Amino acid sequence: MLRRFIAYLLIVVLVVANFSRLFVFAGFELNRNYIATHLCENRDKPWLHCNGKCYFMKKLKQAEEKEKNEERSSQKNLFQEAFVSKKPEVRFYSQVLQVMQVPNHRIALPNVYLPIFQPPQLG
């Protein structure tokens, strides 16, 4: 029961994290009238026909910044330091390439000459 609850909780968390823009858009659409009348920066300028889009764009940028910050912090957490306990041995070889003789085995083809097939002439 507890495992099933944790699995559902993790699925919900992943969906919320990946669809944050969708939730911002849904919140804007549901509260469009309130945002246009109370929260819009251009509510005093009706000729701009903003209708709360400025507020929506601001919230969308905030959601993107939050996603970027979370991604950076998760990448920082994945970084692991490696400690080397002994010095690695470095060897330099003077001869890098070596010339090898390739055996020369030729395949003998049969010496049988057959006439080339020619189709019959029409006529």
N, C-alpha and C. Protein backbone atom coordinates (compact mmCIF):
# COMPACT_ATOMS: atom_id res chain seq x y z
N MET A 1 0.82 -1.19 0.00
CA MET A 1 0.00 0.00 0.00
C MET A 1 0.87 1.26 0.00
N LEU A 2 1.90 1.25 0.84
CA LEU A 2 2.79 2.41 0.94
C LEU A 2 3.60 2.58 -0.34
N ARG A 3 4.05 1.47 -0.91
CA ARG A 3 4.80 1.54 -2.17
C ARG A 3 3.95 2.10 -3.30
N ARG A 4 2.69 1.70 -3.34
CA ARG A 4 1.78 2.19 -4.38
C ARG A 4 1.55 3.69 -4.22
N PHE A 5 1.39 4.14 -2.98
CA PHE A 5 1.21 5.57 -2.71
C PHE A 5 2.44 6.36 -3.12
N ILE A 6 3.62 5.85 -2.80
CA ILE A 6 4.87 6.54 -3.18
C ILE A 6 5.03 6.57 -4.70
N ALA A 7 4.67 5.49 -5.36
CA ALA A 7 4.76 5.46 -6.83
C ALA A 7 3.83 6.50 -7.45
N TYR A 8 2.60 6.60 -6.97
CA TYR A 8 1.67 7.60 -7.49
C TYR A 8 2.15 9.01 -7.19
N LEU A 9 2.70 9.20 -6.01
CA LEU A 9 3.22 10.52 -5.64
C LEU A 9 4.38 10.93 -6.55
N LEU A 10 5.27 10.01 -6.85
CA LEU A 10 6.39 10.31 -7.74
C LEU A 10 5.91 10.61 -9.16
N ILE A 11 4.91 9.90 -9.62
CA ILE A 11 4.36 10.17 -10.95
C ILE A 11 3.75 11.57 -10.99
N VAL A 12 3.02 11.94 -9.97
CA VAL A 12 2.41 13.27 -9.92
C VAL A 12 3.49 14.35 -9.89
N VAL A 13 4.55 14.14 -9.12
CA VAL A 13 5.63 15.12 -9.03
C VAL A 13 6.32 15.28 -10.38
N LEU A 14 6.55 14.19 -11.08
CA LEU A 14 7.17 14.27 -12.41
C LEU A 14 6.27 15.01 -13.40
N VAL A 15 4.99 14.74 -13.36
CA VAL A 15 4.06 15.41 -14.27
C VAL A 15 4.00 16.90 -13.98
N VAL A 16 3.94 17.26 -12.71
CA VAL A 16 3.89 18.68 -12.34
C VAL A 16 5.17 19.39 -12.76
N ALA A 17 6.31 18.74 -12.59
CA ALA A 17 7.58 19.36 -12.95
C ALA A 17 7.70 19.54 -14.45
N ASN A 18 7.22 18.61 -15.23
CA ASN A 18 7.37 18.69 -16.68
C ASN A 18 6.30 19.54 -17.35
N PHE A 19 5.16 19.71 -16.72
CA PHE A 19 4.08 20.46 -17.33
C PHE A 19 3.78 21.75 -16.59
N SER A 20 4.79 22.42 -16.05
CA SER A 20 4.56 23.64 -15.30
C SER A 20 4.03 24.74 -16.21
N ARG A 21 4.48 24.79 -17.46
CA ARG A 21 3.97 25.80 -18.40
C ARG A 21 2.48 25.59 -18.66
N LEU A 22 2.08 24.34 -18.74
CA LEU A 22 0.67 24.04 -18.96
C LEU A 22 -0.18 24.54 -17.79
N PHE A 23 0.34 24.38 -16.57
CA PHE A 23 -0.41 24.84 -15.41
C PHE A 23 -0.47 26.37 -15.36
N VAL A 24 0.60 27.03 -15.79
CA VAL A 24 0.58 28.49 -15.85
C VAL A 24 -0.46 28.95 -16.87
N PHE A 25 -0.48 28.31 -18.02
CA PHE A 25 -1.45 28.67 -19.05
C PHE A 25 -2.89 28.40 -18.58
N ALA A 26 -3.11 27.25 -17.95
CA ALA A 26 -4.46 26.93 -17.46
C ALA A 26 -4.90 27.92 -16.39
N GLY A 27 -3.99 28.30 -15.51
CA GLY A 27 -4.32 29.29 -14.49
C GLY A 27 -4.65 30.64 -15.10
N PHE A 28 -3.92 31.00 -16.15
CA PHE A 28 -4.21 32.27 -16.83
C PHE A 28 -5.58 32.22 -17.50
N GLU A 29 -5.88 31.14 -18.17
CA GLU A 29 -7.18 31.04 -18.87
C GLU A 29 -8.34 31.02 -17.89
N LEU A 30 -8.17 30.37 -16.76
CA LEU A 30 -9.26 30.30 -15.78
C LEU A 30 -9.49 31.65 -15.10
N ASN A 31 -8.43 32.42 -14.91
CA ASN A 31 -8.54 33.68 -14.18
C ASN A 31 -8.30 34.89 -15.08
N ARG A 32 -8.60 34.78 -16.34
CA ARG A 32 -8.27 35.84 -17.31
C ARG A 32 -8.96 37.17 -16.95
N ASN A 33 -10.21 37.15 -16.56
CA ASN A 33 -10.92 38.40 -16.24
C ASN A 33 -10.32 39.07 -15.01
N TYR A 34 -10.05 38.30 -13.98
CA TYR A 34 -9.46 38.88 -12.76
C TYR A 34 -8.08 39.46 -13.05
N ILE A 35 -7.27 38.71 -13.81
CA ILE A 35 -5.92 39.18 -14.14
C ILE A 35 -5.99 40.45 -14.97
N ALA A 36 -6.90 40.51 -15.94
CA ALA A 36 -7.01 41.68 -16.80
C ALA A 36 -7.46 42.92 -16.03
N THR A 37 -8.30 42.75 -15.03
CA THR A 37 -8.83 43.91 -14.31
C THR A 37 -7.98 44.32 -13.11
N HIS A 38 -7.28 43.37 -12.47
CA HIS A 38 -6.57 43.70 -11.23
C HIS A 38 -5.04 43.57 -11.31
N LEU A 39 -4.52 42.62 -12.07
CA LEU A 39 -3.09 42.35 -12.03
C LEU A 39 -2.33 42.84 -13.27
N CYS A 40 -3.02 43.18 -14.32
CA CYS A 40 -2.38 43.58 -15.57
C CYS A 40 -1.66 44.91 -15.40
N GLU A 41 -0.45 45.01 -15.96
CA GLU A 41 0.32 46.25 -15.88
C GLU A 41 -0.28 47.33 -16.77
N ASN A 42 -0.97 46.93 -17.83
CA ASN A 42 -1.53 47.87 -18.79
C ASN A 42 -3.04 48.02 -18.64
N ARG A 43 -3.58 47.81 -17.45
CA ARG A 43 -5.03 47.90 -17.27
C ARG A 43 -5.54 49.33 -17.42
N ASP A 44 -4.65 50.33 -17.23
CA ASP A 44 -5.04 51.72 -17.41
C ASP A 44 -4.97 52.16 -18.86
N LYS A 45 -4.47 51.29 -19.74
CA LYS A 45 -4.32 51.61 -21.16
C LYS A 45 -5.10 50.59 -22.00
N PRO A 46 -6.40 50.74 -22.08
CA PRO A 46 -7.21 49.73 -22.79
C PRO A 46 -6.95 49.69 -24.29
N TRP A 47 -6.39 50.72 -24.87
CA TRP A 47 -6.13 50.73 -26.31
C TRP A 47 -5.00 49.77 -26.70
N LEU A 48 -4.23 49.28 -25.72
CA LEU A 48 -3.18 48.31 -26.02
C LEU A 48 -3.73 46.89 -26.19
N HIS A 49 -4.93 46.64 -25.72
CA HIS A 49 -5.58 45.32 -25.80
C HIS A 49 -4.68 44.22 -25.21
N CYS A 50 -4.10 44.51 -24.07
CA CYS A 50 -3.21 43.54 -23.41
C CYS A 50 -4.02 42.41 -22.78
N ASN A 51 -5.06 42.75 -22.06
CA ASN A 51 -5.96 41.78 -21.41
C ASN A 51 -5.23 40.77 -20.55
N GLY A 52 -4.17 41.20 -19.89
CA GLY A 52 -3.44 40.32 -18.97
C GLY A 52 -2.34 39.51 -19.59
N LYS A 53 -2.07 39.70 -20.86
CA LYS A 53 -1.00 38.91 -21.52
C LYS A 53 0.37 39.27 -20.97
N CYS A 54 0.54 40.51 -20.54
CA CYS A 54 1.83 40.91 -19.95
C CYS A 54 2.08 40.11 -18.66
N TYR A 55 1.04 39.97 -17.85
CA TYR A 55 1.15 39.19 -16.62
C TYR A 55 1.42 37.72 -16.93
N PHE A 56 0.75 37.22 -17.95
CA PHE A 56 0.95 35.82 -18.37
C PHE A 56 2.38 35.59 -18.81
N MET A 57 2.93 36.50 -19.62
CA MET A 57 4.31 36.34 -20.09
C MET A 57 5.30 36.41 -18.93
N LYS A 58 5.02 37.27 -17.96
CA LYS A 58 5.89 37.39 -16.79
C LYS A 58 5.90 36.08 -16.00
N LYS A 59 4.73 35.52 -15.80
CA LYS A 59 4.62 34.26 -15.06
C LYS A 59 5.28 33.11 -15.83
N LEU A 60 5.15 33.13 -17.15
CA LEU A 60 5.77 32.10 -17.98
C LEU A 60 7.30 32.17 -17.88
N LYS A 61 7.85 33.38 -17.89
CA LYS A 61 9.30 33.54 -17.72
C LYS A 61 9.74 33.06 -16.35
N GLN A 62 8.95 33.36 -15.33
CA GLN A 62 9.29 32.89 -13.98
C GLN A 62 9.31 31.37 -13.92
N ALA A 63 8.36 30.72 -14.58
CA ALA A 63 8.32 29.25 -14.59
C ALA A 63 9.54 28.69 -15.32
N GLU A 64 9.94 29.31 -16.43
CA GLU A 64 11.11 28.85 -17.16
C GLU A 64 12.38 29.03 -16.34
N GLU A 65 12.51 30.17 -15.66
CA GLU A 65 13.67 30.41 -14.80
C GLU A 65 13.72 29.39 -13.67
N LYS A 66 12.57 29.07 -13.11
CA LYS A 66 12.52 28.09 -12.03
C LYS A 66 12.96 26.72 -12.54
N GLU A 67 12.51 26.33 -13.75
CA GLU A 67 12.93 25.05 -14.33
C GLU A 67 14.43 25.03 -14.57
N LYS A 68 14.98 26.12 -15.08
CA LYS A 68 16.43 26.18 -15.33
C LYS A 68 17.20 26.07 -14.04
N ASN A 69 16.75 26.77 -13.00
CA ASN A 69 17.44 26.71 -11.71
C ASN A 69 17.38 25.31 -11.12
N GLU A 70 16.23 24.66 -11.24
CA GLU A 70 16.12 23.29 -10.73
C GLU A 70 17.02 22.35 -11.51
N GLU A 71 17.12 22.55 -12.82
CA GLU A 71 17.98 21.70 -13.65
C GLU A 71 19.44 21.91 -13.27
N ARG A 72 19.84 23.15 -13.06
CA ARG A 72 21.22 23.42 -12.64
C ARG A 72 21.54 22.79 -11.30
N SER A 73 20.61 22.92 -10.35
CA SER A 73 20.86 22.36 -9.02
C SER A 73 20.90 20.84 -9.07
N SER A 74 20.07 20.23 -9.93
CA SER A 74 20.12 18.77 -10.03
C SER A 74 21.42 18.32 -10.69
N GLN A 75 21.93 19.10 -11.64
CA GLN A 75 23.21 18.75 -12.26
C GLN A 75 24.36 18.91 -11.27
N LYS A 76 24.27 19.92 -10.40
CA LYS A 76 25.30 20.08 -9.38
C LYS A 76 25.30 18.91 -8.41
N ASN A 77 24.11 18.40 -8.11
CA ASN A 77 24.02 17.28 -7.18
C ASN A 77 24.56 15.99 -7.81
N LEU A 78 24.51 15.89 -9.13
CA LEU A 78 25.01 14.69 -9.79
C LEU A 78 26.52 14.66 -9.90
N PHE A 79 27.16 15.83 -9.73
CA PHE A 79 28.61 15.90 -9.85
C PHE A 79 29.26 15.16 -8.68
N GLN A 80 30.18 14.29 -9.02
CA GLN A 80 30.89 13.54 -7.99
C GLN A 80 32.38 13.74 -8.18
N GLU A 81 33.07 13.88 -7.09
CA GLU A 81 34.51 14.04 -7.15
C GLU A 81 35.17 12.68 -7.04
N ALA A 82 36.22 12.50 -7.82
CA ALA A 82 36.96 11.24 -7.77
C ALA A 82 38.31 11.50 -7.14
N PHE A 83 38.67 10.70 -6.18
CA PHE A 83 39.96 10.82 -5.53
C PHE A 83 40.83 9.66 -5.96
N VAL A 84 42.03 9.97 -6.40
CA VAL A 84 42.97 8.95 -6.84
C VAL A 84 43.90 8.68 -5.68
N SER A 85 44.02 7.41 -5.31
CA SER A 85 44.82 7.08 -4.14
C SER A 85 46.30 6.92 -4.48
N LYS A 86 46.63 6.47 -5.68
CA LYS A 86 48.04 6.36 -6.06
C LYS A 86 48.25 7.00 -7.42
N LYS A 87 49.48 7.40 -7.67
CA LYS A 87 49.79 8.10 -8.90
C LYS A 87 49.74 7.11 -10.07
N PRO A 88 49.16 7.52 -11.18
CA PRO A 88 49.14 6.62 -12.34
C PRO A 88 50.51 6.55 -13.00
N GLU A 89 50.81 5.38 -13.53
CA GLU A 89 52.07 5.19 -14.23
C GLU A 89 51.91 5.66 -15.67
N VAL A 90 52.86 6.47 -16.09
CA VAL A 90 52.84 6.96 -17.46
C VAL A 90 54.08 6.42 -18.15
N ARG A 91 53.90 5.71 -19.23
CA ARG A 91 55.00 5.15 -20.01
C ARG A 91 54.96 5.71 -21.41
N PHE A 92 56.13 6.09 -21.89
CA PHE A 92 56.24 6.57 -23.25
C PHE A 92 57.01 5.53 -24.05
N TYR A 93 56.43 5.10 -25.13
CA TYR A 93 57.07 4.11 -25.98
C TYR A 93 57.71 4.82 -27.16
N SER A 94 58.93 4.39 -27.48
CA SER A 94 59.64 5.06 -28.56
C SER A 94 59.14 4.60 -29.93
N GLN A 95 58.72 3.36 -30.02
CA GLN A 95 58.25 2.85 -31.30
C GLN A 95 56.72 2.75 -31.25
N VAL A 96 56.06 3.63 -31.97
CA VAL A 96 54.62 3.65 -31.94
C VAL A 96 54.04 2.72 -33.00
N LEU A 97 54.58 2.81 -34.22
CA LEU A 97 54.09 1.99 -35.31
C LEU A 97 55.06 0.86 -35.59
N GLN A 98 54.54 -0.23 -36.01
CA GLN A 98 55.36 -1.38 -36.34
C GLN A 98 54.96 -1.84 -37.75
N VAL A 99 55.98 -2.05 -38.58
CA VAL A 99 55.72 -2.48 -39.95
C VAL A 99 55.58 -4.00 -39.95
N MET A 100 54.47 -4.46 -40.51
CA MET A 100 54.22 -5.89 -40.57
C MET A 100 54.15 -6.31 -42.03
N GLN A 101 54.68 -7.47 -42.32
CA GLN A 101 54.62 -8.01 -43.68
C GLN A 101 53.27 -8.71 -43.87
N VAL A 102 52.58 -8.33 -44.94
CA VAL A 102 51.29 -8.93 -45.24
C VAL A 102 51.54 -10.09 -46.20
N PRO A 103 51.05 -11.26 -45.89
CA PRO A 103 51.27 -12.39 -46.80
C PRO A 103 50.56 -12.15 -48.13
N ASN A 104 51.22 -12.53 -49.19
CA ASN A 104 50.71 -12.30 -50.53
C ASN A 104 50.22 -13.62 -51.10
N HIS A 105 48.98 -13.93 -50.85
CA HIS A 105 48.38 -15.16 -51.37
C HIS A 105 47.43 -14.77 -52.49
N ARG A 106 47.76 -15.17 -53.69
CA ARG A 106 46.89 -14.86 -54.82
C ARG A 106 45.99 -16.06 -55.09
N ILE A 107 44.80 -15.74 -55.51
CA ILE A 107 43.85 -16.79 -55.84
C ILE A 107 43.92 -17.02 -57.34
N ALA A 108 44.10 -18.28 -57.70
CA ALA A 108 44.19 -18.62 -59.12
C ALA A 108 42.78 -18.83 -59.67
N LEU A 109 42.43 -18.09 -60.71
CA LEU A 109 41.14 -18.22 -61.36
C LEU A 109 41.22 -19.29 -62.45
N PRO A 110 40.13 -19.96 -62.73
CA PRO A 110 40.17 -21.01 -63.77
C PRO A 110 40.41 -20.38 -65.15
N ASN A 111 41.16 -21.12 -66.00
CA ASN A 111 41.49 -20.65 -67.34
C ASN A 111 40.54 -21.20 -68.39
N VAL A 112 39.29 -21.28 -68.11
CA VAL A 112 38.30 -21.81 -69.03
C VAL A 112 37.61 -20.63 -69.70
N TYR A 113 37.67 -20.64 -71.06
CA TYR A 113 37.03 -19.56 -71.81
C TYR A 113 35.75 -20.11 -72.44
N LEU A 114 34.63 -19.55 -72.08
CA LEU A 114 33.35 -19.97 -72.63
C LEU A 114 32.84 -18.85 -73.54
N PRO A 115 32.15 -19.24 -74.61
CA PRO A 115 31.62 -18.17 -75.49
C PRO A 115 30.53 -17.37 -74.79
N ILE A 116 30.46 -16.12 -75.13
CA ILE A 116 29.47 -15.23 -74.53
C ILE A 116 28.13 -15.52 -75.18
N PHE A 117 27.10 -15.63 -74.36
CA PHE A 117 25.77 -15.91 -74.86
C PHE A 117 25.25 -14.71 -75.62
N GLN A 118 24.76 -14.96 -76.83
CA GLN A 118 24.14 -13.92 -77.64
C GLN A 118 22.74 -14.36 -77.99
N PRO A 119 21.75 -13.52 -77.77
CA PRO A 119 20.38 -13.92 -78.09
C PRO A 119 20.20 -14.05 -79.59
N PRO A 120 19.26 -14.89 -80.02
CA PRO A 120 19.05 -15.07 -81.48
C PRO A 120 18.55 -13.78 -82.11
N GLN A 121 18.91 -13.62 -83.36
CA GLN A 121 18.52 -12.41 -84.08
C GLN A 121 17.10 -12.56 -84.62
N LEU A 122 16.36 -11.51 -84.62
CA LEU A 122 15.00 -11.52 -85.16
C LEU A 122 15.08 -11.23 -86.65
N GLY A 123 14.37 -11.95 -87.37
CA GLY A 123 14.41 -11.57 -88.77
C GLY A 123 13.89 -12.54 -89.65
